[in-house]
Amino acid sequence: MPERYVLVRWPLGPEQRIYSPSTVVEDYFTAGQRLPVADFVAKSREALTIASDRVQALYGYPCSNAARSLAAIEAHAARYADGDVTVEGIES
């Protein structure tokens, strides 16, 4: 599958590189995009669920790396509940 990494900057500056097993994240995020933390988490949850479902359809099991990415996003969101997340870019 064509994996992608979404590069983001959380409020107050921490950066995070988020793994996706699918290009579906390109439908949800673009470089330069700014989203409130809650919106970023919701879009990430939706995109990574779709990506994991694509892995399951192809291989018969969901993507554990997508689940880990979502858990990391949710952990960051708990620390930075206010402010915006900036999408720095998407890498292959």
N, C-alpha and C. Protein backbone atom coordinates (compact mmCIF):
# COMPACT_ATOMS: atom_id res chain seq x y z
N MET A 1 0.84 -1.17 0.00
CA MET A 1 0.00 0.00 0.00
C MET A 1 0.89 1.25 0.00
N PRO A 2 0.44 2.31 -0.60
CA PRO A 2 1.23 3.54 -0.65
C PRO A 2 1.12 4.34 0.64
N GLU A 3 2.06 4.14 1.55
CA GLU A 3 1.99 4.82 2.84
C GLU A 3 2.35 6.29 2.71
N ARG A 4 1.86 7.07 3.67
CA ARG A 4 2.12 8.49 3.73
C ARG A 4 2.40 8.89 5.17
N TYR A 5 3.12 9.99 5.33
CA TYR A 5 3.38 10.59 6.63
C TYR A 5 2.87 12.01 6.60
N VAL A 6 2.06 12.36 7.60
CA VAL A 6 1.55 13.73 7.72
C VAL A 6 2.41 14.40 8.78
N LEU A 7 3.01 15.52 8.41
CA LEU A 7 3.86 16.27 9.32
C LEU A 7 3.04 17.42 9.90
N VAL A 8 2.93 17.46 11.21
CA VAL A 8 2.12 18.49 11.85
C VAL A 8 2.90 19.20 12.95
N ARG A 9 2.44 20.41 13.25
CA ARG A 9 2.96 21.18 14.37
C ARG A 9 1.79 21.47 15.31
N TRP A 10 1.94 21.05 16.56
CA TRP A 10 0.92 21.26 17.57
C TRP A 10 1.04 22.66 18.15
N PRO A 11 0.01 23.13 18.84
CA PRO A 11 0.12 24.43 19.50
C PRO A 11 1.35 24.44 20.41
N LEU A 12 1.99 25.56 20.51
CA LEU A 12 3.20 25.76 21.30
C LEU A 12 4.43 25.08 20.69
N GLY A 13 4.32 24.57 19.46
CA GLY A 13 5.49 24.17 18.72
C GLY A 13 5.89 22.73 18.54
N PRO A 14 5.47 21.76 19.35
CA PRO A 14 5.94 20.40 19.13
C PRO A 14 5.52 19.88 17.75
N GLU A 15 6.42 19.17 17.11
CA GLU A 15 6.12 18.57 15.81
C GLU A 15 5.84 17.09 15.98
N GLN A 16 5.08 16.54 15.03
CA GLN A 16 4.77 15.12 15.05
C GLN A 16 4.71 14.63 13.61
N ARG A 17 5.23 13.44 13.39
CA ARG A 17 5.17 12.78 12.08
C ARG A 17 4.22 11.61 12.23
N ILE A 18 3.11 11.66 11.50
CA ILE A 18 2.02 10.70 11.66
C ILE A 18 2.00 9.73 10.48
N TYR A 19 2.03 8.45 10.78
CA TYR A 19 2.01 7.41 9.75
C TYR A 19 0.59 7.08 9.32
N SER A 20 0.42 6.91 8.01
CA SER A 20 -0.84 6.39 7.45
C SER A 20 -0.48 5.31 6.43
N PRO A 21 -1.16 4.18 6.45
CA PRO A 21 -0.87 3.13 5.48
C PRO A 21 -1.50 3.40 4.11
N SER A 22 -2.13 4.55 3.94
CA SER A 22 -2.88 4.83 2.73
C SER A 22 -2.78 6.31 2.35
N THR A 23 -2.99 6.61 1.09
CA THR A 23 -3.00 7.99 0.61
C THR A 23 -4.29 8.72 1.00
N VAL A 24 -5.21 8.07 1.65
CA VAL A 24 -6.48 8.70 2.02
C VAL A 24 -6.25 9.98 2.83
N VAL A 25 -5.14 10.06 3.56
CA VAL A 25 -4.88 11.27 4.34
C VAL A 25 -4.76 12.51 3.46
N GLU A 26 -4.41 12.31 2.20
CA GLU A 26 -4.32 13.44 1.27
C GLU A 26 -5.69 14.04 0.97
N ASP A 27 -6.75 13.28 1.21
CA ASP A 27 -8.11 13.78 1.04
C ASP A 27 -8.56 14.62 2.24
N TYR A 28 -7.84 14.51 3.35
CA TYR A 28 -8.22 15.17 4.59
C TYR A 28 -7.31 16.34 4.97
N PHE A 29 -6.05 16.28 4.54
CA PHE A 29 -5.07 17.27 4.97
C PHE A 29 -4.27 17.81 3.79
N THR A 30 -3.91 19.08 3.89
CA THR A 30 -3.04 19.71 2.89
C THR A 30 -2.01 20.56 3.61
N ALA A 31 -0.86 20.74 2.99
CA ALA A 31 0.20 21.56 3.57
C ALA A 31 -0.30 22.98 3.80
N GLY A 32 0.00 23.51 4.97
CA GLY A 32 -0.41 24.86 5.32
C GLY A 32 -1.76 24.94 6.02
N GLN A 33 -2.48 23.86 6.04
CA GLN A 33 -3.81 23.83 6.66
C GLN A 33 -3.67 23.99 8.17
N ARG A 34 -4.57 24.79 8.75
CA ARG A 34 -4.64 24.98 10.21
C ARG A 34 -6.02 24.54 10.68
N LEU A 35 -6.01 23.71 11.70
CA LEU A 35 -7.26 23.18 12.24
C LEU A 35 -7.26 23.28 13.76
N PRO A 36 -8.41 23.62 14.37
CA PRO A 36 -8.49 23.50 15.82
C PRO A 36 -8.17 22.05 16.22
N VAL A 37 -7.59 21.90 17.38
CA VAL A 37 -7.16 20.57 17.84
C VAL A 37 -8.28 19.54 17.71
N ALA A 38 -9.48 19.85 18.18
CA ALA A 38 -10.59 18.89 18.13
C ALA A 38 -10.93 18.49 16.70
N ASP A 39 -10.90 19.44 15.78
CA ASP A 39 -11.18 19.12 14.37
C ASP A 39 -10.09 18.25 13.78
N PHE A 40 -8.83 18.56 14.14
CA PHE A 40 -7.72 17.74 13.64
C PHE A 40 -7.85 16.30 14.12
N VAL A 41 -8.19 16.13 15.38
CA VAL A 41 -8.35 14.77 15.94
C VAL A 41 -9.48 14.04 15.22
N ALA A 42 -10.60 14.71 15.02
CA ALA A 42 -11.75 14.08 14.35
C ALA A 42 -11.40 13.67 12.92
N LYS A 43 -10.74 14.56 12.18
CA LYS A 43 -10.36 14.24 10.80
C LYS A 43 -9.33 13.11 10.78
N SER A 44 -8.41 13.14 11.72
CA SER A 44 -7.39 12.08 11.80
C SER A 44 -8.04 10.74 12.08
N ARG A 45 -8.99 10.74 13.02
CA ARG A 45 -9.68 9.49 13.37
C ARG A 45 -10.38 8.92 12.14
N GLU A 46 -11.08 9.78 11.41
CA GLU A 46 -11.80 9.32 10.22
C GLU A 46 -10.82 8.82 9.15
N ALA A 47 -9.80 9.59 8.85
CA ALA A 47 -8.84 9.21 7.81
C ALA A 47 -8.10 7.93 8.16
N LEU A 48 -7.63 7.82 9.40
CA LEU A 48 -6.86 6.63 9.78
C LEU A 48 -7.75 5.39 9.90
N THR A 49 -9.01 5.57 10.23
CA THR A 49 -9.94 4.43 10.24
C THR A 49 -10.15 3.91 8.82
N ILE A 50 -10.34 4.82 7.89
CA ILE A 50 -10.49 4.42 6.48
C ILE A 50 -9.22 3.74 6.00
N ALA A 51 -8.07 4.30 6.34
CA ALA A 51 -6.79 3.71 5.92
C ALA A 51 -6.63 2.30 6.48
N SER A 52 -6.96 2.13 7.75
CA SER A 52 -6.85 0.82 8.38
C SER A 52 -7.85 -0.17 7.76
N ASP A 53 -9.04 0.31 7.44
CA ASP A 53 -10.04 -0.54 6.79
C ASP A 53 -9.56 -1.02 5.42
N ARG A 54 -8.83 -0.16 4.72
CA ARG A 54 -8.28 -0.55 3.41
C ARG A 54 -7.25 -1.67 3.57
N VAL A 55 -6.44 -1.57 4.62
CA VAL A 55 -5.47 -2.64 4.91
C VAL A 55 -6.22 -3.93 5.22
N GLN A 56 -7.27 -3.83 6.02
CA GLN A 56 -8.03 -5.02 6.37
C GLN A 56 -8.66 -5.66 5.13
N ALA A 57 -9.18 -4.85 4.23
CA ALA A 57 -9.79 -5.39 3.02
C ALA A 57 -8.76 -6.12 2.16
N LEU A 58 -7.53 -5.61 2.17
CA LEU A 58 -6.48 -6.20 1.34
C LEU A 58 -5.82 -7.42 1.99
N TYR A 59 -5.55 -7.32 3.30
CA TYR A 59 -4.76 -8.34 3.98
C TYR A 59 -5.52 -9.17 5.01
N GLY A 60 -6.73 -8.75 5.35
CA GLY A 60 -7.53 -9.52 6.29
C GLY A 60 -7.37 -9.10 7.74
N TYR A 61 -6.60 -8.05 8.01
CA TYR A 61 -6.45 -7.56 9.38
C TYR A 61 -6.23 -6.04 9.33
N PRO A 62 -6.68 -5.33 10.37
CA PRO A 62 -6.51 -3.87 10.38
C PRO A 62 -5.05 -3.48 10.59
N CYS A 63 -4.73 -2.25 10.31
CA CYS A 63 -3.36 -1.76 10.44
C CYS A 63 -3.08 -1.31 11.86
N SER A 64 -2.21 -2.02 12.55
CA SER A 64 -1.87 -1.65 13.93
C SER A 64 -1.08 -0.35 13.97
N ASN A 65 -0.32 -0.04 12.93
CA ASN A 65 0.41 1.23 12.91
C ASN A 65 -0.53 2.43 12.81
N ALA A 66 -1.62 2.28 12.09
CA ALA A 66 -2.61 3.35 12.02
C ALA A 66 -3.25 3.57 13.39
N ALA A 67 -3.49 2.47 14.10
CA ALA A 67 -4.05 2.58 15.46
C ALA A 67 -3.05 3.27 16.40
N ARG A 68 -1.76 2.96 16.25
CA ARG A 68 -0.74 3.62 17.07
C ARG A 68 -0.65 5.11 16.74
N SER A 69 -0.78 5.43 15.46
CA SER A 69 -0.76 6.85 15.06
C SER A 69 -1.92 7.59 15.71
N LEU A 70 -3.09 7.00 15.68
CA LEU A 70 -4.25 7.65 16.28
C LEU A 70 -4.07 7.81 17.79
N ALA A 71 -3.53 6.80 18.44
CA ALA A 71 -3.28 6.89 19.88
C ALA A 71 -2.30 8.02 20.20
N ALA A 72 -1.28 8.19 19.37
CA ALA A 72 -0.30 9.26 19.57
C ALA A 72 -0.95 10.63 19.36
N ILE A 73 -1.80 10.73 18.36
CA ILE A 73 -2.53 11.98 18.11
C ILE A 73 -3.40 12.33 19.32
N GLU A 74 -4.13 11.35 19.81
CA GLU A 74 -5.01 11.59 20.95
C GLU A 74 -4.22 11.97 22.20
N ALA A 75 -3.04 11.40 22.38
CA ALA A 75 -2.19 11.76 23.52
C ALA A 75 -1.71 13.20 23.40
N HIS A 76 -1.29 13.62 22.21
CA HIS A 76 -0.89 15.01 22.00
C HIS A 76 -2.08 15.94 22.24
N ALA A 77 -3.23 15.57 21.72
CA ALA A 77 -4.43 16.41 21.85
C ALA A 77 -4.79 16.64 23.31
N ALA A 78 -4.55 15.66 24.15
CA ALA A 78 -4.85 15.82 25.58
C ALA A 78 -3.97 16.88 26.22
N ARG A 79 -2.76 17.07 25.69
CA ARG A 79 -1.84 18.07 26.23
C ARG A 79 -2.07 19.46 25.63
N TYR A 80 -2.57 19.49 24.39
CA TYR A 80 -2.73 20.75 23.67
C TYR A 80 -4.18 20.92 23.21
N ALA A 81 -5.09 20.98 24.17
CA ALA A 81 -6.51 21.02 23.83
C ALA A 81 -6.92 22.32 23.14
N ASP A 82 -6.21 23.41 23.41
CA ASP A 82 -6.55 24.68 22.80
C ASP A 82 -5.57 25.00 21.68
N GLY A 83 -6.01 25.85 20.76
CA GLY A 83 -5.14 26.28 19.69
C GLY A 83 -5.35 25.46 18.43
N ASP A 84 -4.47 25.70 17.47
CA ASP A 84 -4.58 25.06 16.16
C ASP A 84 -3.41 24.12 15.91
N VAL A 85 -3.69 23.08 15.14
CA VAL A 85 -2.66 22.19 14.62
C VAL A 85 -2.40 22.65 13.19
N THR A 86 -1.14 22.79 12.83
CA THR A 86 -0.76 23.18 11.48
C THR A 86 -0.20 21.98 10.74
N VAL A 87 -0.74 21.70 9.57
CA VAL A 87 -0.21 20.63 8.72
C VAL A 87 0.99 21.21 7.97
N GLU A 88 2.17 20.71 8.26
CA GLU A 88 3.39 21.20 7.63
C GLU A 88 3.58 20.60 6.24
N GLY A 89 3.09 19.38 6.04
CA GLY A 89 3.24 18.72 4.74
C GLY A 89 2.86 17.25 4.82
N ILE A 90 2.93 16.61 3.67
CA ILE A 90 2.67 15.17 3.56
C ILE A 90 3.82 14.56 2.78
N GLU A 91 4.40 13.50 3.31
CA GLU A 91 5.52 12.81 2.67
C GLU A 91 5.13 11.39 2.30
N SER A 92 5.80 10.89 1.30
CA SER A 92 5.60 9.47 0.95
C SER A 92 6.76 8.66 1.48
